[in-house]
PDB file of N, CA and C in Angstrom:
ATOM      1  N   MET A   1      18.235  -6.920  -4.328  1.00  0.00           N
ATOM      2  CA  MET A   1      18.172  -5.535  -3.947  1.00  0.00           C
ATOM      3  C   MET A   1      16.996  -4.816  -4.619  1.00  0.00           C
ATOM      4  N   LYS A   2      16.656  -5.228  -5.825  1.00  0.00           N
ATOM      5  CA  LYS A   2      15.528  -4.615  -6.521  1.00  0.00           C
ATOM      6  C   LYS A   2      14.223  -4.854  -5.766  1.00  0.00           C
ATOM      7  N   PHE A   3      14.074  -6.059  -5.195  1.00  0.00           N
ATOM      8  CA  PHE A   3      12.868  -6.381  -4.438  1.00  0.00           C
ATOM      9  C   PHE A   3      12.736  -5.455  -3.234  1.00  0.00           C
ATOM     10  N   VAL A   4      13.811  -5.210  -2.534  1.00  0.00           N
ATOM     11  CA  VAL A   4      13.787  -4.362  -1.334  1.00  0.00           C
ATOM     12  C   VAL A   4      13.379  -2.943  -1.692  1.00  0.00           C
ATOM     13  N   THR A   5      13.927  -2.393  -2.760  1.00  0.00           N
ATOM     14  CA  THR A   5      13.575  -1.031  -3.151  1.00  0.00           C
ATOM     15  C   THR A   5      12.114  -0.939  -3.582  1.00  0.00           C
ATOM     16  N   LYS A   6      11.632  -1.952  -4.278  1.00  0.00           N
ATOM     17  CA  LYS A   6      10.218  -1.958  -4.674  1.00  0.00           C
ATOM     18  C   LYS A   6       9.322  -2.060  -3.453  1.00  0.00           C
ATOM     19  N   PHE A   7       9.709  -2.904  -2.494  1.00  0.00           N
ATOM     20  CA  PHE A   7       8.925  -3.064  -1.278  1.00  0.00           C
ATOM     21  C   PHE A   7       8.859  -1.765  -0.488  1.00  0.00           C
ATOM     22  N   LEU A   8       9.972  -1.063  -0.392  1.00  0.00           N
ATOM     23  CA  LEU A   8      10.005   0.184   0.367  1.00  0.00           C
ATOM     24  C   LEU A   8       9.162   1.283  -0.269  1.00  0.00           C
ATOM     25  N   LYS A   9       8.915   1.185  -1.561  1.00  0.00           N
ATOM     26  CA  LYS A   9       8.042   2.155  -2.223  1.00  0.00           C
ATOM     27  C   LYS A   9       6.585   1.969  -1.831  1.00  0.00           C
ATOM     28  N   CYS A  10       6.222   0.808  -1.293  1.00  0.00           N
ATOM     29  CA  CYS A  10       4.843   0.495  -0.924  1.00  0.00           C
ATOM     30  C   CYS A  10       4.538   0.767   0.543  1.00  0.00           C
ATOM     31  N   VAL A  11       5.554   1.110   1.347  1.00  0.00           N
ATOM     32  CA  VAL A  11       5.387   1.182   2.796  1.00  0.00           C
ATOM     33  C   VAL A  11       5.821   2.555   3.300  1.00  0.00           C
ATOM     34  N   CYS A  12       5.081   3.091   4.273  1.00  0.00           N
ATOM     35  CA  CYS A  12       5.454   4.351   4.922  1.00  0.00           C
ATOM     36  C   CYS A  12       6.685   4.112   5.787  1.00  0.00           C
ATOM     37  N   PHE A  13       7.668   4.989   5.699  1.00  0.00           N
ATOM     38  CA  PHE A  13       8.895   4.834   6.481  1.00  0.00           C
ATOM     39  C   PHE A  13       8.659   5.080   7.961  1.00  0.00           C
ATOM     40  N   ASN A  14       7.655   5.858   8.292  1.00  0.00           N
ATOM     41  CA  ASN A  14       7.410   6.240   9.680  1.00  0.00           C
ATOM     42  C   ASN A  14       6.539   5.225  10.427  1.00  0.00           C
ATOM     43  N   CYS A  15       5.413   4.796   9.841  1.00  0.00           N
ATOM     44  CA  CYS A  15       4.468   3.930  10.562  1.00  0.00           C
ATOM     45  C   CYS A  15       4.327   2.533   9.968  1.00  0.00           C
ATOM     46  N   SER A  16       5.004   2.246   8.872  1.00  0.00           N
ATOM     47  CA  SER A  16       4.996   0.929   8.215  1.00  0.00           C
ATOM     48  C   SER A  16       3.638   0.544   7.639  1.00  0.00           C
ATOM     49  N   ARG A  17       2.800   1.512   7.404  1.00  0.00           N
ATOM     50  CA  ARG A  17       1.488   1.266   6.809  1.00  0.00           C
ATOM     51  C   ARG A  17       1.636   1.157   5.289  1.00  0.00           C
ATOM     52  N   LEU A  18       0.829   0.291   4.662  1.00  0.00           N
ATOM     53  CA  LEU A  18       0.830   0.209   3.220  1.00  0.00           C
ATOM     54  C   LEU A  18       0.337   1.522   2.630  1.00  0.00           C
ATOM     55  N   LEU A  19       1.089   2.096   1.730  1.00  0.00           N
ATOM     56  CA  LEU A  19       0.701   3.367   1.122  1.00  0.00           C
ATOM     57  C   LEU A  19      -0.459   3.214   0.160  1.00  0.00           C
ATOM     58  N   SER A  20      -0.720   2.009  -0.284  1.00  0.00           N
ATOM     59  CA  SER A  20      -1.816   1.806  -1.220  1.00  0.00           C
ATOM     60  C   SER A  20      -3.177   1.932  -0.552  1.00  0.00           C
ATOM     61  N   MET A  21      -3.212   1.903   0.765  1.00  0.00           N
ATOM     62  CA  MET A  21      -4.479   2.006   1.471  1.00  0.00           C
ATOM     63  C   MET A  21      -4.895   3.469   1.565  1.00  0.00           C
ATOM     64  N   LYS A  22      -5.702   3.904   0.614  1.00  0.00           N
ATOM     65  CA  LYS A  22      -6.142   5.297   0.558  1.00  0.00           C
ATOM     66  C   LYS A  22      -7.647   5.340   0.377  1.00  0.00           C
ATOM     67  N   GLY A  23      -8.209   6.499   0.465  1.00  0.00           N
ATOM     68  CA  GLY A  23      -9.633   6.664   0.263  1.00  0.00           C
ATOM     69  C   GLY A  23     -10.436   6.400   1.523  1.00  0.00           C
ATOM     70  N   ASP A  24     -11.734   6.278   1.345  1.00  0.00           N
ATOM     71  CA  ASP A  24     -12.599   6.045   2.498  1.00  0.00           C
ATOM     72  C   ASP A  24     -12.453   4.600   2.993  1.00  0.00           C
ATOM     73  N   GLU A  25     -13.131   4.293   4.073  1.00  0.00           N
ATOM     74  CA  GLU A  25     -12.977   2.982   4.706  1.00  0.00           C
ATOM     75  C   GLU A  25     -13.389   1.841   3.783  1.00  0.00           C
ATOM     76  N   LEU A  26     -14.444   2.034   3.023  1.00  0.00           N
ATOM     77  CA  LEU A  26     -14.920   0.999   2.107  1.00  0.00           C
ATOM     78  C   LEU A  26     -13.889   0.728   1.016  1.00  0.00           C
ATOM     79  N   GLN A  27     -13.285   1.781   0.471  1.00  0.00           N
ATOM     80  CA  GLN A  27     -12.277   1.612  -0.572  1.00  0.00           C
ATOM     81  C   GLN A  27     -11.049   0.895  -0.029  1.00  0.00           C
ATOM     82  N   ARG A  28     -10.601   1.244   1.185  1.00  0.00           N
ATOM     83  CA  ARG A  28      -9.444   0.567   1.784  1.00  0.00           C
ATOM     84  C   ARG A  28      -9.742  -0.906   2.015  1.00  0.00           C
ATOM     85  N   PHE A  29     -10.961  -1.207   2.491  1.00  0.00           N
ATOM     86  CA  PHE A  29     -11.358  -2.595   2.713  1.00  0.00           C
ATOM     87  C   PHE A  29     -11.368  -3.364   1.404  1.00  0.00           C
ATOM     88  N   THR A  30     -11.886  -2.745   0.349  1.00  0.00           N
ATOM     89  CA  THR A  30     -11.946  -3.390  -0.962  1.00  0.00           C
ATOM     90  C   THR A  30     -10.549  -3.669  -1.494  1.00  0.00           C
ATOM     91  N   GLU A  31      -9.625  -2.705  -1.367  1.00  0.00           N
ATOM     92  CA  GLU A  31      -8.253  -2.908  -1.819  1.00  0.00           C
ATOM     93  C   GLU A  31      -7.581  -4.034  -1.043  1.00  0.00           C
ATOM     94  N   LYS A  32      -7.787  -4.057   0.248  1.00  0.00           N
ATOM     95  CA  LYS A  32      -7.192  -5.106   1.083  1.00  0.00           C
ATOM     96  C   LYS A  32      -7.744  -6.476   0.707  1.00  0.00           C
ATOM     97  N   GLU A  33      -9.041  -6.547   0.474  1.00  0.00           N
ATOM     98  CA  GLU A  33      -9.654  -7.810   0.071  1.00  0.00           C
ATOM     99  C   GLU A  33      -9.107  -8.281  -1.274  1.00  0.00           C
ATOM    100  N   GLN A  34      -8.909  -7.359  -2.217  1.00  0.00           N
ATOM    101  CA  GLN A  34      -8.360  -7.726  -3.518  1.00  0.00           C
ATOM    102  C   GLN A  34      -6.962  -8.315  -3.363  1.00  0.00           C
ATOM    103  N   LEU A  35      -6.152  -7.709  -2.498  1.00  0.00           N
ATOM    104  CA  LEU A  35      -4.804  -8.218  -2.272  1.00  0.00           C
ATOM    105  C   LEU A  35      -4.819  -9.596  -1.626  1.00  0.00           C
ATOM    106  N   MET A  36      -5.693  -9.791  -0.652  1.00  0.00           N
ATOM    107  CA  MET A  36      -5.711 -11.051   0.082  1.00  0.00           C
ATOM    108  C   MET A  36      -6.286 -12.198  -0.761  1.00  0.00           C
ATOM    109  N   LYS A  37      -7.092 -11.898  -1.761  1.00  0.00           N
ATOM    110  CA  LYS A  37      -7.652 -12.943  -2.611  1.00  0.00           C
ATOM    111  C   LYS A  37      -6.616 -13.515  -3.569  1.00  0.00           C
ATOM    112  N   LEU A  38      -5.580 -12.750  -3.867  1.00  0.00           N
ATOM    113  CA  LEU A  38      -4.539 -13.230  -4.773  1.00  0.00           C
ATOM    114  C   LEU A  38      -3.673 -14.253  -4.049  1.00  0.00           C
ATOM    115  N   LYS A  39      -3.676 -15.481  -4.519  1.00  0.00           N
ATOM    116  CA  LYS A  39      -2.914 -16.553  -3.872  1.00  0.00           C
ATOM    117  C   LYS A  39      -1.444 -16.541  -4.279  1.00  0.00           C
ATOM    118  N   ASN A  40      -1.166 -16.079  -5.477  1.00  0.00           N
ATOM    119  CA  ASN A  40       0.207 -16.023  -5.965  1.00  0.00           C
ATOM    120  C   ASN A  40       0.908 -14.814  -5.343  1.00  0.00           C
ATOM    121  N   ALA A  41       2.012 -15.041  -4.643  1.00  0.00           N
ATOM    122  CA  ALA A  41       2.730 -13.972  -3.949  1.00  0.00           C
ATOM    123  C   ALA A  41       3.261 -12.924  -4.917  1.00  0.00           C
ATOM    124  N   ASN A  42       3.729 -13.344  -6.080  1.00  0.00           N
ATOM    125  CA  ASN A  42       4.246 -12.389  -7.066  1.00  0.00           C
ATOM    126  C   ASN A  42       3.136 -11.489  -7.594  1.00  0.00           C
ATOM    127  N   ALA A  43       1.975 -12.073  -7.847  1.00  0.00           N
ATOM    128  CA  ALA A  43       0.840 -11.285  -8.322  1.00  0.00           C
ATOM    129  C   ALA A  43       0.366 -10.314  -7.234  1.00  0.00           C
ATOM    130  N   ARG A  44       0.363 -10.762  -5.974  1.00  0.00           N
ATOM    131  CA  ARG A  44      -0.049  -9.911  -4.859  1.00  0.00           C
ATOM    132  C   ARG A  44       0.904  -8.733  -4.716  1.00  0.00           C
ATOM    133  N   PHE A  45       2.208  -9.003  -4.824  1.00  0.00           N
ATOM    134  CA  PHE A  45       3.206  -7.944  -4.703  1.00  0.00           C
ATOM    135  C   PHE A  45       3.077  -6.948  -5.847  1.00  0.00           C
ATOM    136  N   LYS A  46       2.846  -7.442  -7.059  1.00  0.00           N
ATOM    137  CA  LYS A  46       2.687  -6.556  -8.215  1.00  0.00           C
ATOM    138  C   LYS A  46       1.453  -5.674  -8.045  1.00  0.00           C
ATOM    139  N   LYS A  47       0.362  -6.242  -7.517  1.00  0.00           N
ATOM    140  CA  LYS A  47      -0.859  -5.465  -7.285  1.00  0.00           C
ATOM    141  C   LYS A  47      -0.617  -4.382  -6.233  1.00  0.00           C
ATOM    142  N   ALA A  48       0.123  -4.710  -5.172  1.00  0.00           N
ATOM    143  CA  ALA A  48       0.449  -3.724  -4.133  1.00  0.00           C
ATOM    144  C   ALA A  48       1.303  -2.605  -4.721  1.00  0.00           C
ATOM    145  N   LEU A  49       2.243  -2.948  -5.604  1.00  0.00           N
ATOM    146  CA  LEU A  49       3.050  -1.927  -6.278  1.00  0.00           C
ATOM    147  C   LEU A  49       2.189  -1.023  -7.144  1.00  0.00           C
ATOM    148  N   ASP A  50       1.245  -1.613  -7.860  1.00  0.00           N
ATOM    149  CA  ASP A  50       0.352  -0.824  -8.718  1.00  0.00           C
ATOM    150  C   ASP A  50      -0.518   0.126  -7.902  1.00  0.00           C
ATOM    151  N   LEU A  51      -1.016  -0.347  -6.763  1.00  0.00           N
ATOM    152  CA  LEU A  51      -1.860   0.491  -5.924  1.00  0.00           C
ATOM    153  C   LEU A  51      -1.074   1.645  -5.294  1.00  0.00           C
ATOM    154  N   ALA A  52       0.204   1.423  -5.004  1.00  0.00           N
ATOM    155  CA  ALA A  52       1.018   2.439  -4.338  1.00  0.00           C
ATOM    156  C   ALA A  52       1.791   3.316  -5.320  1.00  0.00           C
ATOM    157  N   ALA A  53       1.613   3.107  -6.602  1.00  0.00           N
ATOM    158  CA  ALA A  53       2.406   3.825  -7.600  1.00  0.00           C
ATOM    159  C   ALA A  53       2.215   5.339  -7.536  1.00  0.00           C
ATOM    160  N   ASP A  54       1.005   5.800  -7.287  1.00  0.00           N
ATOM    161  CA  ASP A  54       0.744   7.241  -7.305  1.00  0.00           C
ATOM    162  C   ASP A  54       0.601   7.839  -5.908  1.00  0.00           C
ATOM    163  N   VAL A  55       0.873   7.070  -4.860  1.00  0.00           N
ATOM    164  CA  VAL A  55       0.756   7.550  -3.486  1.00  0.00           C
ATOM    165  C   VAL A  55       2.145   7.936  -2.982  1.00  0.00           C
ATOM    166  N   HIS A  56       2.289   9.184  -2.505  1.00  0.00           N
ATOM    167  CA  HIS A  56       3.598   9.658  -2.069  1.00  0.00           C
ATOM    168  C   HIS A  56       3.620  10.147  -0.630  1.00  0.00           C
ATOM    169  N   GLU A  57       2.496  10.010   0.061  1.00  0.00           N
ATOM    170  CA  GLU A  57       2.459  10.397   1.462  1.00  0.00           C
ATOM    171  C   GLU A  57       1.456   9.537   2.212  1.00  0.00           C
ATOM    172  N   CYS A  58       1.689   9.379   3.488  1.00  0.00           N
ATOM    173  CA  CYS A  58       0.822   8.598   4.366  1.00  0.00           C
ATOM    174  C   CYS A  58      -0.173   9.573   4.994  1.00  0.00           C
ATOM    175  N   LYS A  59      -1.314   9.748   4.373  1.00  0.00           N
ATOM    176  CA  LYS A  59      -2.263  10.790   4.774  1.00  0.00           C
ATOM    177  C   LYS A  59      -2.922  10.473   6.106  1.00  0.00           C
ATOM    178  N   SER A  60      -2.904  11.444   6.982  1.00  0.00           N
ATOM    179  CA  SER A  60      -3.456  11.250   8.324  1.00  0.00           C
ATOM    180  C   SER A  60      -4.977  11.161   8.320  1.00  0.00           C
ATOM    181  N   GLU A  61      -5.644  11.758   7.366  1.00  0.00           N
ATOM    182  CA  GLU A  61      -7.109  11.680   7.341  1.00  0.00           C
ATOM    183  C   GLU A  61      -7.602  10.290   6.960  1.00  0.00           C
ATOM    184  N   PHE A  62      -6.703   9.449   6.447  1.00  0.00           N
ATOM    185  CA  PHE A  62      -7.054   8.073   6.100  1.00  0.00           C
ATOM    186  C   PHE A  62      -6.466   7.076   7.096  1.00  0.00           C
ATOM    187  N   GLY A  63      -6.102   7.533   8.273  1.00  0.00           N
ATOM    188  CA  GLY A  63      -5.596   6.631   9.297  1.00  0.00           C
ATOM    189  C   GLY A  63      -4.095   6.513   9.330  1.00  0.00           C
ATOM    190  N   GLY A  64      -3.389   7.228   8.485  1.00  0.00           N
ATOM    191  CA  GLY A  64      -1.934   7.168   8.450  1.00  0.00           C
ATOM    192  C   GLY A  64      -1.312   8.141   9.440  1.00  0.00           C
ATOM    193  N   CYS A  65      -0.004   8.277   9.373  1.00  0.00           N
ATOM    194  CA  CYS A  65       0.717   9.106  10.333  1.00  0.00           C
ATOM    195  C   CYS A  65       0.947  10.537   9.832  1.00  0.00           C
ATOM    196  N   GLY A  66       0.745  10.789   8.536  1.00  0.00           N
ATOM    197  CA  GLY A  66       0.953  12.125   7.982  1.00  0.00           C
ATOM    198  C   GLY A  66       2.340  12.337   7.423  1.00  0.00           C
ATOM    199  N   TYR A  67       3.159  11.302   7.388  1.00  0.00           N
ATOM    200  CA  TYR A  67       4.528  11.406   6.874  1.00  0.00           C
ATOM    201  C   TYR A  67       4.531  11.675   5.379  1.00  0.00           C
ATOM    202  N   LYS A  68       5.373  12.616   4.946  1.00  0.00           N
ATOM    203  CA  LYS A  68       5.492  12.943   3.516  1.00  0.00           C
ATOM    204  C   LYS A  68       6.812  12.486   2.978  1.00  0.00           C
TER     205      LYS A  68
END
């Protein structure tokens, strides 16, 4: 159950977009590349949690749905 709650903190409830994807297009691409380079699933999940720790809304100006 802890895994599910942690996972839901990283994903927008409305559009299922990763909340860690913020900033301009280059920054989002860089974050995505960093995640995909990690071969260990636990390390990848921890990195996604770290990136989404301070994000609390899916901002529409960054391609999200605007859900708060």
